[in-house]
Amino acid sequence: MATQQRTIGFLLEQATGAGAVTAKPTFGEYGVYVDGKMIGSVCDDQLFVKPTVSGRAHAEPVSEAAPYSGAKPQMLNAPTRWDDADWLGELLRITAAELPTLKPRKAKQGT
């Protein structure tokens, strides 16, 4: 079952308190970004957030599951909790703050 567009729309609407939250299509599902940093994904209408110490403490109780076969387990956040926009925005914001910033890749030189 693929993620429905209305799920992404609702998630983005509820997460406005986290900063610039976007969702980009990734391998048939969606990657979730806060201020350009990937913090998780939405797969099969479920929100998976990369586990961090602060994020886990904020989200308790939380379960972990792999968003797709072969992926590392991530925090699985039930859609019923998305109704609390303040809670969701804070989860995404503190997760993004704790994740490392990726260094930009250097462009390959032509031959």
PDB file of N, CA and C in Angstrom:
ATOM      1  N   MET A   1       0.842  -1.173   0.000  1.00  0.00           N
ATOM      2  CA  MET A   1       0.000   0.000   0.000  1.00  0.00           C
ATOM      3  C   MET A   1       0.891   1.241   0.000  1.00  0.00           C
ATOM      4  N   ALA A   2       0.742   2.086  -0.929  1.00  0.00           N
ATOM      5  CA  ALA A   2       1.529   3.318  -1.022  1.00  0.00           C
ATOM      6  C   ALA A   2       0.900   4.410  -0.159  1.00  0.00           C
ATOM      7  N   THR A   3       1.727   5.351   0.241  1.00  0.00           N
ATOM      8  CA  THR A   3       1.260   6.481   1.038  1.00  0.00           C
ATOM      9  C   THR A   3       0.346   7.365   0.199  1.00  0.00           C
ATOM     10  N   GLN A   4      -0.760   7.789   0.788  1.00  0.00           N
ATOM     11  CA  GLN A   4      -1.706   8.651   0.099  1.00  0.00           C
ATOM     12  C   GLN A   4      -1.261  10.115   0.207  1.00  0.00           C
ATOM     13  N   GLN A   5      -1.538  10.882  -0.809  1.00  0.00           N
ATOM     14  CA  GLN A   5      -1.161  12.299  -0.814  1.00  0.00           C
ATOM     15  C   GLN A   5      -1.821  13.056   0.331  1.00  0.00           C
ATOM     16  N   ARG A   6      -3.035  12.668   0.693  1.00  0.00           N
ATOM     17  CA  ARG A   6      -3.702  13.362   1.801  1.00  0.00           C
ATOM     18  C   ARG A   6      -2.983  13.125   3.127  1.00  0.00           C
ATOM     19  N   THR A   7      -2.330  11.985   3.281  1.00  0.00           N
ATOM     20  CA  THR A   7      -1.540  11.719   4.489  1.00  0.00           C
ATOM     21  C   THR A   7      -0.375  12.694   4.568  1.00  0.00           C
ATOM     22  N   ILE A   8       0.317  12.889   3.450  1.00  0.00           N
ATOM     23  CA  ILE A   8       1.452  13.816   3.409  1.00  0.00           C
ATOM     24  C   ILE A   8       0.962  15.237   3.676  1.00  0.00           C
ATOM     25  N   GLY A   9      -0.140  15.627   3.061  1.00  0.00           N
ATOM     26  CA  GLY A   9      -0.682  16.966   3.277  1.00  0.00           C
ATOM     27  C   GLY A   9      -1.019  17.216   4.739  1.00  0.00           C
ATOM     28  N   PHE A  10      -1.648  16.247   5.388  1.00  0.00           N
ATOM     29  CA  PHE A  10      -2.011  16.392   6.797  1.00  0.00           C
ATOM     30  C   PHE A  10      -0.757  16.478   7.666  1.00  0.00           C
ATOM     31  N   LEU A  11       0.211  15.618   7.407  1.00  0.00           N
ATOM     32  CA  LEU A  11       1.458  15.628   8.174  1.00  0.00           C
ATOM     33  C   LEU A  11       2.158  16.980   8.066  1.00  0.00           C
ATOM     34  N   LEU A  12       2.272  17.500   6.858  1.00  0.00           N
ATOM     35  CA  LEU A  12       2.945  18.789   6.654  1.00  0.00           C
ATOM     36  C   LEU A  12       2.186  19.922   7.333  1.00  0.00           C
ATOM     37  N   GLU A  13       0.864  19.863   7.286  1.00  0.00           N
ATOM     38  CA  GLU A  13       0.043  20.885   7.930  1.00  0.00           C
ATOM     39  C   GLU A  13       0.233  20.864   9.449  1.00  0.00           C
ATOM     40  N   GLN A  14       0.284  19.675  10.021  1.00  0.00           N
ATOM     41  CA  GLN A  14       0.416  19.532  11.466  1.00  0.00           C
ATOM     42  C   GLN A  14       1.823  19.865  11.975  1.00  0.00           C
ATOM     43  N   ALA A  15       2.833  19.758  11.124  1.00  0.00           N
ATOM     44  CA  ALA A  15       4.224  19.895  11.556  1.00  0.00           C
ATOM     45  C   ALA A  15       4.804  21.287  11.342  1.00  0.00           C
ATOM     46  N   THR A  16       3.969  22.275  11.147  1.00  0.00           N
ATOM     47  CA  THR A  16       4.481  23.610  10.835  1.00  0.00           C
ATOM     48  C   THR A  16       5.356  24.191  11.936  1.00  0.00           C
ATOM     49  N   GLY A  17       5.193  23.759  13.174  1.00  0.00           N
ATOM     50  CA  GLY A  17       5.989  24.284  14.274  1.00  0.00           C
ATOM     51  C   GLY A  17       7.426  23.805  14.283  1.00  0.00           C
ATOM     52  N   ALA A  18       7.777  22.883  13.402  1.00  0.00           N
ATOM     53  CA  ALA A  18       9.131  22.325  13.385  1.00  0.00           C
ATOM     54  C   ALA A  18      10.102  23.139  12.553  1.00  0.00           C
ATOM     55  N   GLY A  19       9.629  24.056  11.744  1.00  0.00           N
ATOM     56  CA  GLY A  19      10.490  24.791  10.812  1.00  0.00           C
ATOM     57  C   GLY A  19      10.007  24.530   9.401  1.00  0.00           C
ATOM     58  N   ALA A  20      10.928  24.536   8.468  1.00  0.00           N
ATOM     59  CA  ALA A  20      10.588  24.274   7.069  1.00  0.00           C
ATOM     60  C   ALA A  20      10.516  22.761   6.851  1.00  0.00           C
ATOM     61  N   VAL A  21       9.310  22.211   6.960  1.00  0.00           N
ATOM     62  CA  VAL A  21       9.106  20.769   6.814  1.00  0.00           C
ATOM     63  C   VAL A  21       8.632  20.485   5.398  1.00  0.00           C
ATOM     64  N   THR A  22       9.309  19.544   4.745  1.00  0.00           N
ATOM     65  CA  THR A  22       8.934  19.138   3.396  1.00  0.00           C
ATOM     66  C   THR A  22       8.920  17.614   3.311  1.00  0.00           C
ATOM     67  N   ALA A  23       8.239  17.109   2.316  1.00  0.00           N
ATOM     68  CA  ALA A  23       8.226  15.679   2.024  1.00  0.00           C
ATOM     69  C   ALA A  23       8.520  15.527   0.541  1.00  0.00           C
ATOM     70  N   LYS A  24       9.524  14.709   0.239  1.00  0.00           N
ATOM     71  CA  LYS A  24       9.910  14.499  -1.149  1.00  0.00           C
ATOM     72  C   LYS A  24       9.738  13.036  -1.512  1.00  0.00           C
ATOM     73  N   PRO A  25       9.208  12.774  -2.717  1.00  0.00           N
ATOM     74  CA  PRO A  25       9.079  11.378  -3.149  1.00  0.00           C
ATOM     75  C   PRO A  25      10.447  10.689  -3.167  1.00  0.00           C
ATOM     76  N   THR A  26      10.473   9.507  -2.552  1.00  0.00           N
ATOM     77  CA  THR A  26      11.711   8.734  -2.469  1.00  0.00           C
ATOM     78  C   THR A  26      11.372   7.257  -2.607  1.00  0.00           C
ATOM     79  N   PHE A  27      11.794   6.638  -3.655  1.00  0.00           N
ATOM     80  CA  PHE A  27      11.606   5.203  -3.874  1.00  0.00           C
ATOM     81  C   PHE A  27      10.151   4.765  -3.700  1.00  0.00           C
ATOM     82  N   GLY A  28       9.225   5.528  -4.209  1.00  0.00           N
ATOM     83  CA  GLY A  28       7.818   5.174  -4.154  1.00  0.00           C
ATOM     84  C   GLY A  28       7.109   5.619  -2.888  1.00  0.00           C
ATOM     85  N   GLU A  29       7.826   6.143  -1.924  1.00  0.00           N
ATOM     86  CA  GLU A  29       7.238   6.661  -0.692  1.00  0.00           C
ATOM     87  C   GLU A  29       7.742   8.092  -0.508  1.00  0.00           C
ATOM     88  N   TYR A  30       7.916   8.569   0.717  1.00  0.00           N
ATOM     89  CA  TYR A  30       8.328   9.959   0.936  1.00  0.00           C
ATOM     90  C   TYR A  30       9.396  10.060   2.013  1.00  0.00           C
ATOM     91  N   GLY A  31      10.402  10.889   1.757  1.00  0.00           N
ATOM     92  CA  GLY A  31      11.358  11.280   2.770  1.00  0.00           C
ATOM     93  C   GLY A  31      10.840  12.551   3.423  1.00  0.00           C
ATOM     94  N   VAL A  32      11.040  12.691   4.730  1.00  0.00           N
ATOM     95  CA  VAL A  32      10.587  13.873   5.472  1.00  0.00           C
ATOM     96  C   VAL A  32      11.820  14.668   5.873  1.00  0.00           C
ATOM     97  N   TYR A  33      11.782  15.970   5.585  1.00  0.00           N
ATOM     98  CA  TYR A  33      12.921  16.851   5.819  1.00  0.00           C
ATOM     99  C   TYR A  33      12.508  18.032   6.687  1.00  0.00           C
ATOM    100  N   VAL A  34      13.408  18.433   7.585  1.00  0.00           N
ATOM    101  CA  VAL A  34      13.235  19.646   8.371  1.00  0.00           C
ATOM    102  C   VAL A  34      14.428  20.540   8.068  1.00  0.00           C
ATOM    103  N   ASP A  35      14.154  21.714   7.529  1.00  0.00           N
ATOM    104  CA  ASP A  35      15.210  22.657   7.135  1.00  0.00           C
ATOM    105  C   ASP A  35      16.261  21.987   6.255  1.00  0.00           C
ATOM    106  N   GLY A  36      15.798  21.116   5.350  1.00  0.00           N
ATOM    107  CA  GLY A  36      16.673  20.453   4.396  1.00  0.00           C
ATOM    108  C   GLY A  36      17.367  19.203   4.910  1.00  0.00           C
ATOM    109  N   LYS A  37      17.178  18.840   6.166  1.00  0.00           N
ATOM    110  CA  LYS A  37      17.822  17.663   6.767  1.00  0.00           C
ATOM    111  C   LYS A  37      16.807  16.525   6.850  1.00  0.00           C
ATOM    112  N   MET A  38      17.154  15.355   6.289  1.00  0.00           N
ATOM    113  CA  MET A  38      16.230  14.223   6.309  1.00  0.00           C
ATOM    114  C   MET A  38      16.148  13.670   7.728  1.00  0.00           C
ATOM    115  N   ILE A  39      14.926  13.662   8.269  1.00  0.00           N
ATOM    116  CA  ILE A  39      14.724  13.197   9.634  1.00  0.00           C
ATOM    117  C   ILE A  39      13.905  11.913   9.706  1.00  0.00           C
ATOM    118  N   GLY A  40      13.378  11.473   8.587  1.00  0.00           N
ATOM    119  CA  GLY A  40      12.589  10.252   8.593  1.00  0.00           C
ATOM    120  C   GLY A  40      11.893  10.031   7.269  1.00  0.00           C
ATOM    121  N   SER A  41      10.846   9.219   7.318  1.00  0.00           N
ATOM    122  CA  SER A  41      10.112   8.903   6.093  1.00  0.00           C
ATOM    123  C   SER A  41       8.669   8.557   6.420  1.00  0.00           C
ATOM    124  N   VAL A  42       7.849   8.615   5.393  1.00  0.00           N
ATOM    125  CA  VAL A  42       6.466   8.151   5.496  1.00  0.00           C
ATOM    126  C   VAL A  42       6.334   7.009   4.504  1.00  0.00           C
ATOM    127  N   CYS A  43       6.025   5.839   5.030  1.00  0.00           N
ATOM    128  CA  CYS A  43       5.855   4.640   4.219  1.00  0.00           C
ATOM    129  C   CYS A  43       4.541   3.979   4.617  1.00  0.00           C
ATOM    130  N   ASP A  44       3.737   3.643   3.647  1.00  0.00           N
ATOM    131  CA  ASP A  44       2.430   3.018   3.898  1.00  0.00           C
ATOM    132  C   ASP A  44       1.605   3.823   4.899  1.00  0.00           C
ATOM    133  N   ASP A  45       1.604   5.150   4.727  1.00  0.00           N
ATOM    134  CA  ASP A  45       0.834   6.061   5.579  1.00  0.00           C
ATOM    135  C   ASP A  45       1.271   6.044   7.045  1.00  0.00           C
ATOM    136  N   GLN A  46       2.513   5.656   7.309  1.00  0.00           N
ATOM    137  CA  GLN A  46       3.047   5.627   8.662  1.00  0.00           C
ATOM    138  C   GLN A  46       4.289   6.511   8.726  1.00  0.00           C
ATOM    139  N   LEU A  47       4.456   7.254   9.831  1.00  0.00           N
ATOM    140  CA  LEU A  47       5.590   8.141  10.014  1.00  0.00           C
ATOM    141  C   LEU A  47       6.704   7.426  10.775  1.00  0.00           C
ATOM    142  N   PHE A  48       7.855   7.342  10.144  1.00  0.00           N
ATOM    143  CA  PHE A  48       9.050   6.780  10.755  1.00  0.00           C
ATOM    144  C   PHE A  48      10.043   7.915  10.950  1.00  0.00           C
ATOM    145  N   VAL A  49      10.536   8.076  12.180  1.00  0.00           N
ATOM    146  CA  VAL A  49      11.478   9.149  12.494  1.00  0.00           C
ATOM    147  C   VAL A  49      12.778   8.522  12.966  1.00  0.00           C
ATOM    148  N   LYS A  50      13.903   9.055  12.471  1.00  0.00           N
ATOM    149  CA  LYS A  50      15.205   8.539  12.880  1.00  0.00           C
ATOM    150  C   LYS A  50      15.330   8.637  14.395  1.00  0.00           C
ATOM    151  N   PRO A  51      15.817   7.585  15.037  1.00  0.00           N
ATOM    152  CA  PRO A  51      15.902   7.603  16.489  1.00  0.00           C
ATOM    153  C   PRO A  51      17.041   8.493  16.996  1.00  0.00           C
ATOM    154  N   THR A  52      16.712   9.362  17.931  1.00  0.00           N
ATOM    155  CA  THR A  52      17.692  10.179  18.643  1.00  0.00           C
ATOM    156  C   THR A  52      17.333  10.096  20.125  1.00  0.00           C
ATOM    157  N   VAL A  53      18.277  10.442  20.987  1.00  0.00           N
ATOM    158  CA  VAL A  53      18.011  10.384  22.427  1.00  0.00           C
ATOM    159  C   VAL A  53      16.862  11.324  22.798  1.00  0.00           C
ATOM    160  N   SER A  54      16.939  12.575  22.338  1.00  0.00           N
ATOM    161  CA  SER A  54      15.901  13.557  22.672  1.00  0.00           C
ATOM    162  C   SER A  54      14.561  13.207  22.040  1.00  0.00           C
ATOM    163  N   GLY A  55      14.597  12.747  20.803  1.00  0.00           N
ATOM    164  CA  GLY A  55      13.360  12.372  20.118  1.00  0.00           C
ATOM    165  C   GLY A  55      12.671  11.207  20.791  1.00  0.00           C
ATOM    166  N   ARG A  56      13.465  10.219  21.207  1.00  0.00           N
ATOM    167  CA  ARG A  56      12.895   9.050  21.886  1.00  0.00           C
ATOM    168  C   ARG A  56      12.254   9.469  23.220  1.00  0.00           C
ATOM    169  N   ALA A  57      12.931  10.339  23.984  1.00  0.00           N
ATOM    170  CA  ALA A  57      12.392  10.799  25.260  1.00  0.00           C
ATOM    171  C   ALA A  57      11.076  11.552  25.050  1.00  0.00           C
ATOM    172  N   HIS A  58      11.012  12.372  24.001  1.00  0.00           N
ATOM    173  CA  HIS A  58       9.800  13.151  23.714  1.00  0.00           C
ATOM    174  C   HIS A  58       8.652  12.252  23.257  1.00  0.00           C
ATOM    175  N   ALA A  59       8.967  11.205  22.512  1.00  0.00           N
ATOM    176  CA  ALA A  59       7.933  10.379  21.889  1.00  0.00           C
ATOM    177  C   ALA A  59       7.440   9.230  22.760  1.00  0.00           C
ATOM    178  N   GLU A  60       8.052   8.991  23.908  1.00  0.00           N
ATOM    179  CA  GLU A  60       7.655   7.845  24.745  1.00  0.00           C
ATOM    180  C   GLU A  60       6.164   7.853  25.016  1.00  0.00           C
ATOM    181  N   PRO A  61       5.509   6.718  25.006  1.00  0.00           N
ATOM    182  CA  PRO A  61       6.036   5.427  24.582  1.00  0.00           C
ATOM    183  C   PRO A  61       6.111   5.358  23.057  1.00  0.00           C
ATOM    184  N   VAL A  62       7.130   4.718  22.558  1.00  0.00           N
ATOM    185  CA  VAL A  62       7.330   4.620  21.120  1.00  0.00           C
ATOM    186  C   VAL A  62       7.801   3.218  20.767  1.00  0.00           C
ATOM    187  N   SER A  63       7.416   2.755  19.601  1.00  0.00           N
ATOM    188  CA  SER A  63       7.884   1.465  19.120  1.00  0.00           C
ATOM    189  C   SER A  63       8.824   1.712  17.953  1.00  0.00           C
ATOM    190  N   GLU A  64       9.580   0.708  17.604  1.00  0.00           N
ATOM    191  CA  GLU A  64      10.481   0.807  16.458  1.00  0.00           C
ATOM    192  C   GLU A  64      10.105  -0.239  15.424  1.00  0.00           C
ATOM    193  N   ALA A  65      10.300   0.136  14.177  1.00  0.00           N
ATOM    194  CA  ALA A  65      10.049  -0.769  13.063  1.00  0.00           C
ATOM    195  C   ALA A  65      10.851  -0.269  11.870  1.00  0.00           C
ATOM    196  N   ALA A  66      11.122  -1.151  10.951  1.00  0.00           N
ATOM    197  CA  ALA A  66      11.813  -0.767   9.720  1.00  0.00           C
ATOM    198  C   ALA A  66      10.778  -0.233   8.729  1.00  0.00           C
ATOM    199  N   PRO A  67      11.040   0.933   8.122  1.00  0.00           N
ATOM    200  CA  PRO A  67      10.071   1.490   7.180  1.00  0.00           C
ATOM    201  C   PRO A  67       9.912   0.656   5.910  1.00  0.00           C
ATOM    202  N   TYR A  68      10.940  -0.108   5.574  1.00  0.00           N
ATOM    203  CA  TYR A  68      10.889  -0.990   4.409  1.00  0.00           C
ATOM    204  C   TYR A  68      11.906  -2.098   4.622  1.00  0.00           C
ATOM    205  N   SER A  69      11.803  -3.145   3.866  1.00  0.00           N
ATOM    206  CA  SER A  69      12.678  -4.299   4.016  1.00  0.00           C
ATOM    207  C   SER A  69      14.146  -3.903   3.867  1.00  0.00           C
ATOM    208  N   GLY A  70      14.957  -4.281   4.828  1.00  0.00           N
ATOM    209  CA  GLY A  70      16.384  -4.007   4.777  1.00  0.00           C
ATOM    210  C   GLY A  70      16.791  -2.694   5.420  1.00  0.00           C
ATOM    211  N   ALA A  71      15.833  -1.881   5.851  1.00  0.00           N
ATOM    212  CA  ALA A  71      16.137  -0.583   6.464  1.00  0.00           C
ATOM    213  C   ALA A  71      16.412  -0.761   7.960  1.00  0.00           C
ATOM    214  N   LYS A  72      17.156   0.186   8.519  1.00  0.00           N
ATOM    215  CA  LYS A  72      17.384   0.208   9.960  1.00  0.00           C
ATOM    216  C   LYS A  72      16.076   0.583  10.649  1.00  0.00           C
ATOM    217  N   PRO A  73      15.832   0.026  11.842  1.00  0.00           N
ATOM    218  CA  PRO A  73      14.608   0.397  12.573  1.00  0.00           C
ATOM    219  C   PRO A  73      14.595   1.887  12.908  1.00  0.00           C
ATOM    220  N   GLN A  74      13.419   2.462  12.855  1.00  0.00           N
ATOM    221  CA  GLN A  74      13.199   3.860  13.201  1.00  0.00           C
ATOM    222  C   GLN A  74      12.000   3.945  14.139  1.00  0.00           C
ATOM    223  N   MET A  75      11.834   5.099  14.758  1.00  0.00           N
ATOM    224  CA  MET A  75      10.687   5.273  15.648  1.00  0.00           C
ATOM    225  C   MET A  75       9.416   5.358  14.806  1.00  0.00           C
ATOM    226  N   LEU A  76       8.460   4.533  15.127  1.00  0.00           N
ATOM    227  CA  LEU A  76       7.179   4.507  14.431  1.00  0.00           C
ATOM    228  C   LEU A  76       6.182   5.300  15.259  1.00  0.00           C
ATOM    229  N   ASN A  77       5.632   6.351  14.657  1.00  0.00           N
ATOM    230  CA  ASN A  77       4.723   7.256  15.359  1.00  0.00           C
ATOM    231  C   ASN A  77       3.320   7.114  14.793  1.00  0.00           C
ATOM    232  N   ALA A  78       2.418   6.684  15.634  1.00  0.00           N
ATOM    233  CA  ALA A  78       1.046   6.411  15.212  1.00  0.00           C
ATOM    234  C   ALA A  78       0.352   7.676  14.702  1.00  0.00           C
ATOM    235  N   PRO A  79      -0.415   7.572  13.626  1.00  0.00           N
ATOM    236  CA  PRO A  79      -1.145   8.728  13.083  1.00  0.00           C
ATOM    237  C   PRO A  79      -2.071   9.391  14.096  1.00  0.00           C
ATOM    238  N   THR A  80      -2.536   8.665  15.097  1.00  0.00           N
ATOM    239  CA  THR A  80      -3.403   9.262  16.107  1.00  0.00           C
ATOM    240  C   THR A  80      -2.665  10.336  16.904  1.00  0.00           C
ATOM    241  N   ARG A  81      -1.339  10.267  16.984  1.00  0.00           N
ATOM    242  CA  ARG A  81      -0.553  11.265  17.707  1.00  0.00           C
ATOM    243  C   ARG A  81      -0.296  12.505  16.854  1.00  0.00           C
ATOM    244  N   TRP A  82      -0.513  12.409  15.558  1.00  0.00           N
ATOM    245  CA  TRP A  82      -0.269  13.550  14.667  1.00  0.00           C
ATOM    246  C   TRP A  82      -1.280  14.666  14.907  1.00  0.00           C
ATOM    247  N   ASP A  83      -2.406  14.344  15.528  1.00  0.00           N
ATOM    248  CA  ASP A  83      -3.430  15.357  15.787  1.00  0.00           C
ATOM    249  C   ASP A  83      -2.916  16.465  16.704  1.00  0.00           C
ATOM    250  N   ASP A  84      -1.931  16.142  17.528  1.00  0.00           N
ATOM    251  CA  ASP A  84      -1.332  17.128  18.423  1.00  0.00           C
ATOM    252  C   ASP A  84      -0.186  17.821  17.661  1.00  0.00           C
ATOM    253  N   ALA A  85      -0.511  18.917  17.012  1.00  0.00           N
ATOM    254  CA  ALA A  85       0.457  19.619  16.159  1.00  0.00           C
ATOM    255  C   ALA A  85       1.678  20.093  16.944  1.00  0.00           C
ATOM    256  N   ASP A  86       1.473  20.538  18.167  1.00  0.00           N
ATOM    257  CA  ASP A  86       2.607  20.996  18.982  1.00  0.00           C
ATOM    258  C   ASP A  86       3.558  19.838  19.274  1.00  0.00           C
ATOM    259  N   TRP A  87       3.000  18.697  19.651  1.00  0.00           N
ATOM    260  CA  TRP A  87       3.813  17.512  19.932  1.00  0.00           C
ATOM    261  C   TRP A  87       4.591  17.072  18.694  1.00  0.00           C
ATOM    262  N   LEU A  88       3.908  16.993  17.562  1.00  0.00           N
ATOM    263  CA  LEU A  88       4.545  16.539  16.326  1.00  0.00           C
ATOM    264  C   LEU A  88       5.639  17.511  15.882  1.00  0.00           C
ATOM    265  N   GLY A  89       5.347  18.798  15.894  1.00  0.00           N
ATOM    266  CA  GLY A  89       6.342  19.788  15.508  1.00  0.00           C
ATOM    267  C   GLY A  89       7.577  19.718  16.385  1.00  0.00           C
ATOM    268  N   GLU A  90       7.373  19.550  17.682  1.00  0.00           N
ATOM    269  CA  GLU A  90       8.504  19.451  18.610  1.00  0.00           C
ATOM    270  C   GLU A  90       9.321  18.190  18.351  1.00  0.00           C
ATOM    271  N   LEU A  91       8.666  17.066  18.093  1.00  0.00           N
ATOM    272  CA  LEU A  91       9.382  15.827  17.785  1.00  0.00           C
ATOM    273  C   LEU A  91      10.279  16.012  16.574  1.00  0.00           C
ATOM    274  N   LEU A  92       9.732  16.573  15.509  1.00  0.00           N
ATOM    275  CA  LEU A  92      10.525  16.754  14.292  1.00  0.00           C
ATOM    276  C   LEU A  92      11.646  17.768  14.503  1.00  0.00           C
ATOM    277  N   ARG A  93      11.373  18.837  15.236  1.00  0.00           N
ATOM    278  CA  ARG A  93      12.374  19.872  15.479  1.00  0.00           C
ATOM    279  C   ARG A  93      13.547  19.339  16.307  1.00  0.00           C
ATOM    280  N   ILE A  94      13.257  18.647  17.413  1.00  0.00           N
ATOM    281  CA  ILE A  94      14.354  18.170  18.257  1.00  0.00           C
ATOM    282  C   ILE A  94      15.124  17.029  17.589  1.00  0.00           C
ATOM    283  N   THR A  95      14.446  16.246  16.768  1.00  0.00           N
ATOM    284  CA  THR A  95      15.145  15.195  16.033  1.00  0.00           C
ATOM    285  C   THR A  95      16.123  15.818  15.046  1.00  0.00           C
ATOM    286  N   ALA A  96      15.669  16.809  14.293  1.00  0.00           N
ATOM    287  CA  ALA A  96      16.543  17.474  13.324  1.00  0.00           C
ATOM    288  C   ALA A  96      17.731  18.131  14.013  1.00  0.00           C
ATOM    289  N   ALA A  97      17.499  18.731  15.167  1.00  0.00           N
ATOM    290  CA  ALA A  97      18.581  19.409  15.883  1.00  0.00           C
ATOM    291  C   ALA A  97      19.650  18.428  16.341  1.00  0.00           C
ATOM    292  N   GLU A  98      19.270  17.210  16.635  1.00  0.00           N
ATOM    293  CA  GLU A  98      20.219  16.230  17.153  1.00  0.00           C
ATOM    294  C   GLU A  98      20.943  15.445  16.064  1.00  0.00           C
ATOM    295  N   LEU A  99      20.385  15.406  14.870  1.00  0.00           N
ATOM    296  CA  LEU A  99      21.033  14.672  13.779  1.00  0.00           C
ATOM    297  C   LEU A  99      22.180  15.491  13.196  1.00  0.00           C
ATOM    298  N   PRO A 100      23.252  14.816  12.767  1.00  0.00           N
ATOM    299  CA  PRO A 100      24.377  15.557  12.187  1.00  0.00           C
ATOM    300  C   PRO A 100      24.013  16.169  10.840  1.00  0.00           C
ATOM    301  N   THR A 101      24.651  17.279  10.543  1.00  0.00           N
ATOM    302  CA  THR A 101      24.473  17.917   9.238  1.00  0.00           C
ATOM    303  C   THR A 101      25.393  17.228   8.249  1.00  0.00           C
ATOM    304  N   LEU A 102      24.835  16.820   7.129  1.00  0.00           N
ATOM    305  CA  LEU A 102      25.647  16.159   6.111  1.00  0.00           C
ATOM    306  C   LEU A 102      26.474  17.184   5.346  1.00  0.00           C
ATOM    307  N   LYS A 103      27.694  16.797   5.053  1.00  0.00           N
ATOM    308  CA  LYS A 103      28.549  17.669   4.249  1.00  0.00           C
ATOM    309  C   LYS A 103      28.126  17.543   2.791  1.00  0.00           C
ATOM    310  N   PRO A 104      28.132  18.653   2.052  1.00  0.00           N
ATOM    311  CA  PRO A 104      27.760  18.580   0.636  1.00  0.00           C
ATOM    312  C   PRO A 104      28.774  17.740  -0.137  1.00  0.00           C
ATOM    313  N   ARG A 105      28.271  17.008  -1.091  1.00  0.00           N
ATOM    314  CA  ARG A 105      29.139  16.193  -1.930  1.00  0.00           C
ATOM    315  C   ARG A 105      29.874  17.073  -2.926  1.00  0.00           C
ATOM    316  N   LYS A 106      31.103  16.706  -3.193  1.00  0.00           N
ATOM    317  CA  LYS A 106      31.867  17.420  -4.203  1.00  0.00           C
ATOM    318  C   LYS A 106      31.439  16.923  -5.583  1.00  0.00           C
ATOM    319  N   ALA A 107      31.350  17.851  -6.504  1.00  0.00           N
ATOM    320  CA  ALA A 107      30.967  17.500  -7.869  1.00  0.00           C
ATOM    321  C   ALA A 107      32.073  16.670  -8.511  1.00  0.00           C
ATOM    322  N   LYS A 108      31.670  15.689  -9.295  1.00  0.00           N
ATOM    323  CA  LYS A 108      32.647  14.875 -10.008  1.00  0.00           C
ATOM    324  C   LYS A 108      33.224  15.686 -11.155  1.00  0.00           C
ATOM    325  N   GLN A 109      34.506  15.548 -11.347  1.00  0.00           N
ATOM    326  CA  GLN A 109      35.146  16.254 -12.468  1.00  0.00           C
ATOM    327  C   GLN A 109      34.980  15.416 -13.725  1.00  0.00           C
ATOM    328  N   GLY A 110      34.691  16.119 -14.826  1.00  0.00           N
ATOM    329  CA  GLY A 110      34.492  15.453 -16.114  1.00  0.00           C
ATOM    330  C   GLY A 110      35.801  14.901 -16.670  1.00  0.00           C
ATOM    331  N   THR A 111      35.702  13.944 -17.569  1.00  0.00           N
ATOM    332  CA  THR A 111      36.908  13.343 -18.161  1.00  0.00           C
ATOM    333  C   THR A 111      37.176  13.932 -19.503  1.00  0.00           C
TER     334      THR A 111
END
